[in-house]
PDB file of N, CA and C in Angstrom:
ATOM      1  N   MET A   1     -13.024  -3.184  22.547  1.00  0.00           N
ATOM      2  CA  MET A   1     -11.645  -3.294  22.963  1.00  0.00           C
ATOM      3  C   MET A   1     -10.838  -2.160  22.348  1.00  0.00           C
ATOM      4  N   PHE A   2     -10.052  -1.505  23.161  1.00  0.00           N
ATOM      5  CA  PHE A   2      -9.219  -0.396  22.701  1.00  0.00           C
ATOM      6  C   PHE A   2      -7.792  -0.896  22.506  1.00  0.00           C
ATOM      7  N   ILE A   3      -7.198  -0.588  21.364  1.00  0.00           N
ATOM      8  CA  ILE A   3      -5.815  -0.965  21.094  1.00  0.00           C
ATOM      9  C   ILE A   3      -4.997   0.311  20.983  1.00  0.00           C
ATOM     10  N   GLU A   4      -3.936   0.398  21.760  1.00  0.00           N
ATOM     11  CA  GLU A   4      -3.074   1.581  21.738  1.00  0.00           C
ATOM     12  C   GLU A   4      -2.265   1.630  20.444  1.00  0.00           C
ATOM     13  N   ASN A   5      -2.018   2.833  19.936  1.00  0.00           N
ATOM     14  CA  ASN A   5      -1.275   3.005  18.691  1.00  0.00           C
ATOM     15  C   ASN A   5       0.144   2.471  18.760  1.00  0.00           C
ATOM     16  N   ASN A   6       0.737   2.429  19.966  1.00  0.00           N
ATOM     17  CA  ASN A   6       2.116   1.962  20.073  1.00  0.00           C
ATOM     18  C   ASN A   6       2.227   0.458  20.308  1.00  0.00           C
ATOM     19  N   LYS A   7       1.102  -0.260  20.326  1.00  0.00           N
ATOM     20  CA  LYS A   7       1.138  -1.720  20.481  1.00  0.00           C
ATOM     21  C   LYS A   7       1.822  -2.336  19.269  1.00  0.00           C
ATOM     22  N   GLU A   8       2.789  -3.205  19.524  1.00  0.00           N
ATOM     23  CA  GLU A   8       3.519  -3.860  18.440  1.00  0.00           C
ATOM     24  C   GLU A   8       2.792  -5.128  18.010  1.00  0.00           C
ATOM     25  N   LEU A   9       2.593  -5.252  16.708  1.00  0.00           N
ATOM     26  CA  LEU A   9       1.895  -6.405  16.134  1.00  0.00           C
ATOM     27  C   LEU A   9       2.863  -7.246  15.317  1.00  0.00           C
ATOM     28  N   SER A  10       2.701  -8.559  15.381  1.00  0.00           N
ATOM     29  CA  SER A  10       3.473  -9.450  14.522  1.00  0.00           C
ATOM     30  C   SER A  10       2.870  -9.403  13.117  1.00  0.00           C
ATOM     31  N   ILE A  11       3.577  -9.958  12.161  1.00  0.00           N
ATOM     32  CA  ILE A  11       3.068  -9.967  10.784  1.00  0.00           C
ATOM     33  C   ILE A  11       1.753 -10.739  10.674  1.00  0.00           C
ATOM     34  N   PRO A  12       1.601 -11.907  11.319  1.00  0.00           N
ATOM     35  CA  PRO A  12       0.286 -12.564  11.273  1.00  0.00           C
ATOM     36  C   PRO A  12      -0.836 -11.705  11.868  1.00  0.00           C
ATOM     37  N   GLU A  13      -0.529 -10.944  12.913  1.00  0.00           N
ATOM     38  CA  GLU A  13      -1.538 -10.046  13.493  1.00  0.00           C
ATOM     39  C   GLU A  13      -1.865  -8.903  12.540  1.00  0.00           C
ATOM     40  N   VAL A  14      -0.842  -8.362  11.873  1.00  0.00           N
ATOM     41  CA  VAL A  14      -1.063  -7.313  10.864  1.00  0.00           C
ATOM     42  C   VAL A  14      -1.952  -7.857   9.757  1.00  0.00           C
ATOM     43  N   ALA A  15      -1.652  -9.065   9.292  1.00  0.00           N
ATOM     44  CA  ALA A  15      -2.446  -9.689   8.229  1.00  0.00           C
ATOM     45  C   ALA A  15      -3.901  -9.858   8.652  1.00  0.00           C
ATOM     46  N   LYS A  16      -4.103 -10.217   9.907  1.00  0.00           N
ATOM     47  CA  LYS A  16      -5.472 -10.396  10.408  1.00  0.00           C
ATOM     48  C   LYS A  16      -6.224  -9.069  10.429  1.00  0.00           C
ATOM     49  N   VAL A  17      -5.564  -8.003  10.887  1.00  0.00           N
ATOM     50  CA  VAL A  17      -6.205  -6.682  10.923  1.00  0.00           C
ATOM     51  C   VAL A  17      -6.565  -6.228   9.512  1.00  0.00           C
ATOM     52  N   LEU A  18      -5.640  -6.438   8.567  1.00  0.00           N
ATOM     53  CA  LEU A  18      -5.862  -5.998   7.185  1.00  0.00           C
ATOM     54  C   LEU A  18      -6.714  -6.977   6.377  1.00  0.00           C
ATOM     55  N   GLU A  19      -6.975  -8.149   6.968  1.00  0.00           N
ATOM     56  CA  GLU A  19      -7.724  -9.210   6.285  1.00  0.00           C
ATOM     57  C   GLU A  19      -7.046  -9.602   4.976  1.00  0.00           C
ATOM     58  N   VAL A  20      -5.727  -9.842   5.080  1.00  0.00           N
ATOM     59  CA  VAL A  20      -4.930 -10.279   3.923  1.00  0.00           C
ATOM     60  C   VAL A  20      -4.101 -11.492   4.336  1.00  0.00           C
ATOM     61  N   ASP A  21      -3.452 -12.087   3.367  1.00  0.00           N
ATOM     62  CA  ASP A  21      -2.560 -13.213   3.589  1.00  0.00           C
ATOM     63  C   ASP A  21      -1.276 -12.739   4.282  1.00  0.00           C
ATOM     64  N   ASN A  22      -0.634 -13.614   5.055  1.00  0.00           N
ATOM     65  CA  ASN A  22       0.626 -13.264   5.708  1.00  0.00           C
ATOM     66  C   ASN A  22       1.682 -12.818   4.700  1.00  0.00           C
ATOM     67  N   THR A  23       1.728 -13.486   3.541  1.00  0.00           N
ATOM     68  CA  THR A  23       2.746 -13.137   2.544  1.00  0.00           C
ATOM     69  C   THR A  23       2.552 -11.717   2.028  1.00  0.00           C
ATOM     70  N   TYR A  24       1.302 -11.277   1.907  1.00  0.00           N
ATOM     71  CA  TYR A  24       1.048  -9.902   1.468  1.00  0.00           C
ATOM     72  C   TYR A  24       1.476  -8.911   2.546  1.00  0.00           C
ATOM     73  N   ALA A  25       1.244  -9.244   3.812  1.00  0.00           N
ATOM     74  CA  ALA A  25       1.674  -8.370   4.907  1.00  0.00           C
ATOM     75  C   ALA A  25       3.199  -8.254   4.925  1.00  0.00           C
ATOM     76  N   TYR A  26       3.902  -9.372   4.701  1.00  0.00           N
ATOM     77  CA  TYR A  26       5.368  -9.325   4.606  1.00  0.00           C
ATOM     78  C   TYR A  26       5.795  -8.456   3.423  1.00  0.00           C
ATOM     79  N   ARG A  27       5.089  -8.551   2.304  1.00  0.00           N
ATOM     80  CA  ARG A  27       5.420  -7.743   1.127  1.00  0.00           C
ATOM     81  C   ARG A  27       5.259  -6.255   1.420  1.00  0.00           C
ATOM     82  N   LEU A  28       4.237  -5.884   2.188  1.00  0.00           N
ATOM     83  CA  LEU A  28       4.038  -4.474   2.544  1.00  0.00           C
ATOM     84  C   LEU A  28       5.241  -3.934   3.315  1.00  0.00           C
ATOM     85  N   VAL A  29       5.827  -4.764   4.169  1.00  0.00           N
ATOM     86  CA  VAL A  29       7.014  -4.349   4.920  1.00  0.00           C
ATOM     87  C   VAL A  29       8.220  -4.279   3.980  1.00  0.00           C
ATOM     88  N   ARG A  30       8.419  -5.320   3.166  1.00  0.00           N
ATOM     89  CA  ARG A  30       9.564  -5.341   2.235  1.00  0.00           C
ATOM     90  C   ARG A  30       9.514  -4.176   1.254  1.00  0.00           C
ATOM     91  N   ASP A  31       8.308  -3.833   0.794  1.00  0.00           N
ATOM     92  CA  ASP A  31       8.139  -2.730  -0.165  1.00  0.00           C
ATOM     93  C   ASP A  31       8.111  -1.360   0.518  1.00  0.00           C
ATOM     94  N   GLU A  32       8.354  -1.350   1.830  1.00  0.00           N
ATOM     95  CA  GLU A  32       8.406  -0.129   2.638  1.00  0.00           C
ATOM     96  C   GLU A  32       7.091   0.645   2.651  1.00  0.00           C
ATOM     97  N   ARG A  33       5.994  -0.083   2.538  1.00  0.00           N
ATOM     98  CA  ARG A  33       4.676   0.541   2.655  1.00  0.00           C
ATOM     99  C   ARG A  33       4.220   0.527   4.115  1.00  0.00           C
ATOM    100  N   LEU A  34       4.805  -0.383   4.909  1.00  0.00           N
ATOM    101  CA  LEU A  34       4.643  -0.411   6.358  1.00  0.00           C
ATOM    102  C   LEU A  34       6.038  -0.385   6.961  1.00  0.00           C
ATOM    103  N   ALA A  35       6.242   0.485   7.951  1.00  0.00           N
ATOM    104  CA  ALA A  35       7.555   0.611   8.580  1.00  0.00           C
ATOM    105  C   ALA A  35       7.607  -0.229   9.852  1.00  0.00           C
ATOM    106  N   PRO A  36       8.469  -1.243   9.892  1.00  0.00           N
ATOM    107  CA  PRO A  36       8.568  -2.061  11.093  1.00  0.00           C
ATOM    108  C   PRO A  36       9.342  -1.342  12.202  1.00  0.00           C
ATOM    109  N   VAL A  37       9.012  -1.651  13.459  1.00  0.00           N
ATOM    110  CA  VAL A  37       9.769  -1.109  14.589  1.00  0.00           C
ATOM    111  C   VAL A  37      10.861  -2.083  15.010  1.00  0.00           C
ATOM    112  N   SER A  38      10.744  -3.342  14.604  1.00  0.00           N
ATOM    113  CA  SER A  38      11.812  -4.316  14.793  1.00  0.00           C
ATOM    114  C   SER A  38      11.819  -5.245  13.591  1.00  0.00           C
ATOM    115  N   VAL A  39      12.993  -5.845  13.352  1.00  0.00           N
ATOM    116  CA  VAL A  39      13.168  -6.620  12.126  1.00  0.00           C
ATOM    117  C   VAL A  39      13.213  -8.125  12.363  1.00  0.00           C
ATOM    118  N   ASN A  40      13.684  -8.558  13.508  1.00  0.00           N
ATOM    119  CA  ASN A  40      13.799  -9.996  13.726  1.00  0.00           C
ATOM    120  C   ASN A  40      13.199 -10.366  15.066  1.00  0.00           C
ATOM    121  N   PRO A  41      11.954 -10.742  15.167  1.00  0.00           N
ATOM    122  CA  PRO A  41      10.973 -10.834  14.085  1.00  0.00           C
ATOM    123  C   PRO A  41      10.386  -9.467  13.741  1.00  0.00           C
ATOM    124  N   TYR A  42       9.781  -9.385  12.558  1.00  0.00           N
ATOM    125  CA  TYR A  42       9.136  -8.144  12.154  1.00  0.00           C
ATOM    126  C   TYR A  42       8.014  -7.800  13.118  1.00  0.00           C
ATOM    127  N   LYS A  43       7.986  -6.546  13.545  1.00  0.00           N
ATOM    128  CA  LYS A  43       6.906  -6.014  14.378  1.00  0.00           C
ATOM    129  C   LYS A  43       6.533  -4.651  13.811  1.00  0.00           C
ATOM    130  N   VAL A  44       5.243  -4.393  13.721  1.00  0.00           N
ATOM    131  CA  VAL A  44       4.720  -3.130  13.197  1.00  0.00           C
ATOM    132  C   VAL A  44       3.754  -2.580  14.235  1.00  0.00           C
ATOM    133  N   THR A  45       3.788  -1.285  14.482  1.00  0.00           N
ATOM    134  CA  THR A  45       2.861  -0.723  15.464  1.00  0.00           C
ATOM    135  C   THR A  45       1.443  -0.676  14.888  1.00  0.00           C
ATOM    136  N   PHE A  46       0.481  -0.757  15.796  1.00  0.00           N
ATOM    137  CA  PHE A  46      -0.911  -0.661  15.384  1.00  0.00           C
ATOM    138  C   PHE A  46      -1.176   0.695  14.729  1.00  0.00           C
ATOM    139  N   GLY A  47      -0.536   1.746  15.245  1.00  0.00           N
ATOM    140  CA  GLY A  47      -0.693   3.073  14.652  1.00  0.00           C
ATOM    141  C   GLY A  47      -0.241   3.116  13.209  1.00  0.00           C
ATOM    142  N   GLU A  48       0.833   2.408  12.882  1.00  0.00           N
ATOM    143  CA  GLU A  48       1.323   2.332  11.499  1.00  0.00           C
ATOM    144  C   GLU A  48       0.309   1.617  10.605  1.00  0.00           C
ATOM    145  N   VAL A  49      -0.262   0.541  11.108  1.00  0.00           N
ATOM    146  CA  VAL A  49      -1.277  -0.200  10.343  1.00  0.00           C
ATOM    147  C   VAL A  49      -2.509   0.671  10.134  1.00  0.00           C
ATOM    148  N   LYS A  50      -2.937   1.354  11.184  1.00  0.00           N
ATOM    149  CA  LYS A  50      -4.110   2.243  11.079  1.00  0.00           C
ATOM    150  C   LYS A  50      -3.843   3.371  10.078  1.00  0.00           C
ATOM    151  N   HIS A  51      -2.639   3.928  10.117  1.00  0.00           N
ATOM    152  CA  HIS A  51      -2.267   4.979   9.163  1.00  0.00           C
ATOM    153  C   HIS A  51      -2.306   4.438   7.732  1.00  0.00           C
ATOM    154  N   PHE A  52      -1.810   3.225   7.524  1.00  0.00           N
ATOM    155  CA  PHE A  52      -1.838   2.573   6.210  1.00  0.00           C
ATOM    156  C   PHE A  52      -3.278   2.462   5.701  1.00  0.00           C
ATOM    157  N   ILE A  53      -4.174   2.056   6.592  1.00  0.00           N
ATOM    158  CA  ILE A  53      -5.589   1.922   6.215  1.00  0.00           C
ATOM    159  C   ILE A  53      -6.187   3.293   5.906  1.00  0.00           C
ATOM    160  N   ASP A  54      -5.960   4.269   6.793  1.00  0.00           N
ATOM    161  CA  ASP A  54      -6.541   5.602   6.627  1.00  0.00           C
ATOM    162  C   ASP A  54      -6.083   6.278   5.336  1.00  0.00           C
ATOM    163  N   GLU A  55      -4.836   6.032   4.929  1.00  0.00           N
ATOM    164  CA  GLU A  55      -4.312   6.632   3.695  1.00  0.00           C
ATOM    165  C   GLU A  55      -5.005   6.099   2.454  1.00  0.00           C
ATOM    166  N   ARG A  56      -5.645   4.962   2.538  1.00  0.00           N
ATOM    167  CA  ARG A  56      -6.285   4.345   1.383  1.00  0.00           C
ATOM    168  C   ARG A  56      -7.795   4.553   1.336  1.00  0.00           C
ATOM    169  N   LEU A  57      -8.336   5.193   2.359  1.00  0.00           N
ATOM    170  CA  LEU A  57      -9.777   5.452   2.393  1.00  0.00           C
ATOM    171  C   LEU A  57     -10.104   6.763   1.681  1.00  0.00           C
ATOM    172  N   PRO A  58     -11.303   6.853   1.105  1.00  0.00           N
ATOM    173  CA  PRO A  58     -11.712   8.121   0.492  1.00  0.00           C
ATOM    174  C   PRO A  58     -11.788   9.237   1.536  1.00  0.00           C
ATOM    175  N   THR A  59     -11.646  10.469   1.087  1.00  0.00           N
ATOM    176  CA  THR A  59     -11.719  11.631   1.974  1.00  0.00           C
ATOM    177  C   THR A  59     -13.030  11.606   2.744  1.00  0.00           C
ATOM    178  N   GLY A  60     -12.949  11.885   4.028  1.00  0.00           N
ATOM    179  CA  GLY A  60     -14.149  11.918   4.859  1.00  0.00           C
ATOM    180  C   GLY A  60     -14.452  10.598   5.554  1.00  0.00           C
ATOM    181  N   PHE A  61     -13.796   9.520   5.152  1.00  0.00           N
ATOM    182  CA  PHE A  61     -13.996   8.233   5.791  1.00  0.00           C
ATOM    183  C   PHE A  61     -12.971   8.061   6.903  1.00  0.00           C
ATOM    184  N   LYS A  62     -13.322   7.268   7.909  1.00  0.00           N
ATOM    185  CA  LYS A  62     -12.419   7.013   9.027  1.00  0.00           C
ATOM    186  C   LYS A  62     -12.451   5.521   9.336  1.00  0.00           C
ATOM    187  N   SER A  63     -11.275   4.956   9.599  1.00  0.00           N
ATOM    188  CA  SER A  63     -11.225   3.530   9.921  1.00  0.00           C
ATOM    189  C   SER A  63     -11.583   3.307  11.378  1.00  0.00           C
ATOM    190  N   ILE A  64     -12.271   2.225  11.615  1.00  0.00           N
ATOM    191  CA  ILE A  64     -12.615   1.809  12.974  1.00  0.00           C
ATOM    192  C   ILE A  64     -12.292   0.329  13.058  1.00  0.00           C
ATOM    193  N   TYR A  65     -11.400  -0.036  13.978  1.00  0.00           N
ATOM    194  CA  TYR A  65     -11.050  -1.438  14.145  1.00  0.00           C
ATOM    195  C   TYR A  65     -11.777  -1.978  15.350  1.00  0.00           C
ATOM    196  N   GLN A  66     -12.440  -3.101  15.169  1.00  0.00           N
ATOM    197  CA  GLN A  66     -13.183  -3.730  16.234  1.00  0.00           C
ATOM    198  C   GLN A  66     -12.618  -5.140  16.443  1.00  0.00           C
ATOM    199  N   ALA A  67     -12.165  -5.441  17.645  1.00  0.00           N
ATOM    200  CA  ALA A  67     -11.654  -6.776  17.944  1.00  0.00           C
ATOM    201  C   ALA A  67     -12.823  -7.697  18.272  1.00  0.00           C
ATOM    202  N   PHE A  68     -12.691  -8.925  17.842  1.00  0.00           N
ATOM    203  CA  PHE A  68     -13.766  -9.913  18.099  1.00  0.00           C
ATOM    204  C   PHE A  68     -13.327 -10.886  19.159  1.00  0.00           C
TER     205      PHE A  68
END
């Protein structure tokens, strides 16, 4: 399944992609580590989430998201 970078994800969807708790995903937005495209409700683009993941990987590694 291909997900476009501009697809807007809810916080529970972001948490699922990152495999973290919803509260941690909300904290990432509050701490400005993820930039939301809308605030009520919070929505984050898939591209922003992918960028967040890629910034934390060692050099030479690439993230690949696979939907189940």
